[in-house]
C-alpha cells in the first residue's frame, strides 16, 4: 500500500491501469539506491526509467539488446520505439555487433554502446574432437525452441536432399520443444526421413552437452521469422564449437560473427534449402580439414565468449559508466 501511494499517474499512465507499476514498486527494498540498474532486455527499460523518475529507484541505467527486443519489438512497434530511452540510459550493450549496428541506426548514441556477448562456462564443455566412429551413418544435431525462427523445417528439407543425392545414411537429433513439433514430425515423415529423425523434447543443460558429444555435425539454421525476429550467436552453437564439433550456420543476425566460412565452420543463406544443402555437402567434403576447423572454432569461442572474459568486460563497462557519470561538469 505504501508503494501504491507513491505512484504518480503522470509518470506511469497505462501501467497504472493493470497495476504493473504497483507490483514492481512494492518489491524494492528501502531507498532502492544502486550503482547500476541493468535492464537485461531493452523492453524492460521503460519501467525502470519510470520507477527512477518516480523516486522508487536510483542508479545509472544500462540497457541490454539481446534479440527479440531489437528485432521483433522494433518490427511490431516501429523504429521510434526506444526514442524515450536514448536520453535516459547511461550505457548500452548489444550481444553481437549486428544488433549494435541496428541499435545505432535506431538512434542509440554510438559512443555509449558496447558489444558484450553472452558468456558460457567453457569448463563445462571440454574440447573433445570426435574420433573415427564405426557407425555407417552421419549424425546431425539441432537444439532450440521449435519455432519458425530456428529454421529446423528448412534444415530437414536440406538434410533429406543431401541424404538422397549422396546416398548417405543420416540420423537427425532435434532437442527442444515448441508449437512446431507436430508439423516437424509430419514434415520428417513426408520427406521420407521416418525413424532417421528423433525429436527428444526439452532437455537439461547436462543432457544437451551429451547430445553434442554424440553428434558429428551441429546445425544452427536460424532465419528471420515472419514477425521480424532474429538471433544473435545462440549458446548451443558456441557450445558445439567449444566441444569440437563442426558447425553449419546461416548468414543471419549475429551468427556470421562467430561462424566464419572455411575457418570456424560453414555458412548458408538463411531460409534457403538449396544453399543449406550446398553447405552440408561442402562441409562433408572437407572432412580431412575438420581437425583444423574445430581447433580454430574452439579458439574463437574462447576469445569471444569465455565467461570470465565476458564478466571482466561487463564489470569494466559498469566502472566506466559510474566514473563517467561522476565526473564534475566544467563551468
Foldseek 3Di string as FASTA:
>chain_A
DVLLVLDDCVLCPPCVVVCPLVVVLVPAPDQQEDAEDEAQDQVCQSSVQSCVVSRSHHYAYEHEHFWCRLWLVCLVPHLCPCVVPQVRHLAYEYQFVLSLVSVVVSPHPNVRYDHFHAFDALVLQAADADDDDPDQAAEEEEEDAPDVQQPVLLVLLLVLVLCVVVVGHYAYEYEEYYDCVVVSQVSCVVSVVPRSYDYDYHDDPNVLSVVLRPHQEYERQGDQDPSGTFHAQDPSNLSSLQHQHAYEYEPTRNNCVQDPDPAQHHYFHHPDNVRVSVRVVVVVVVVVCSVRNSVRSNVSSCVRHHPVVSVVVVVVSSVVSSVVVPDDDDD
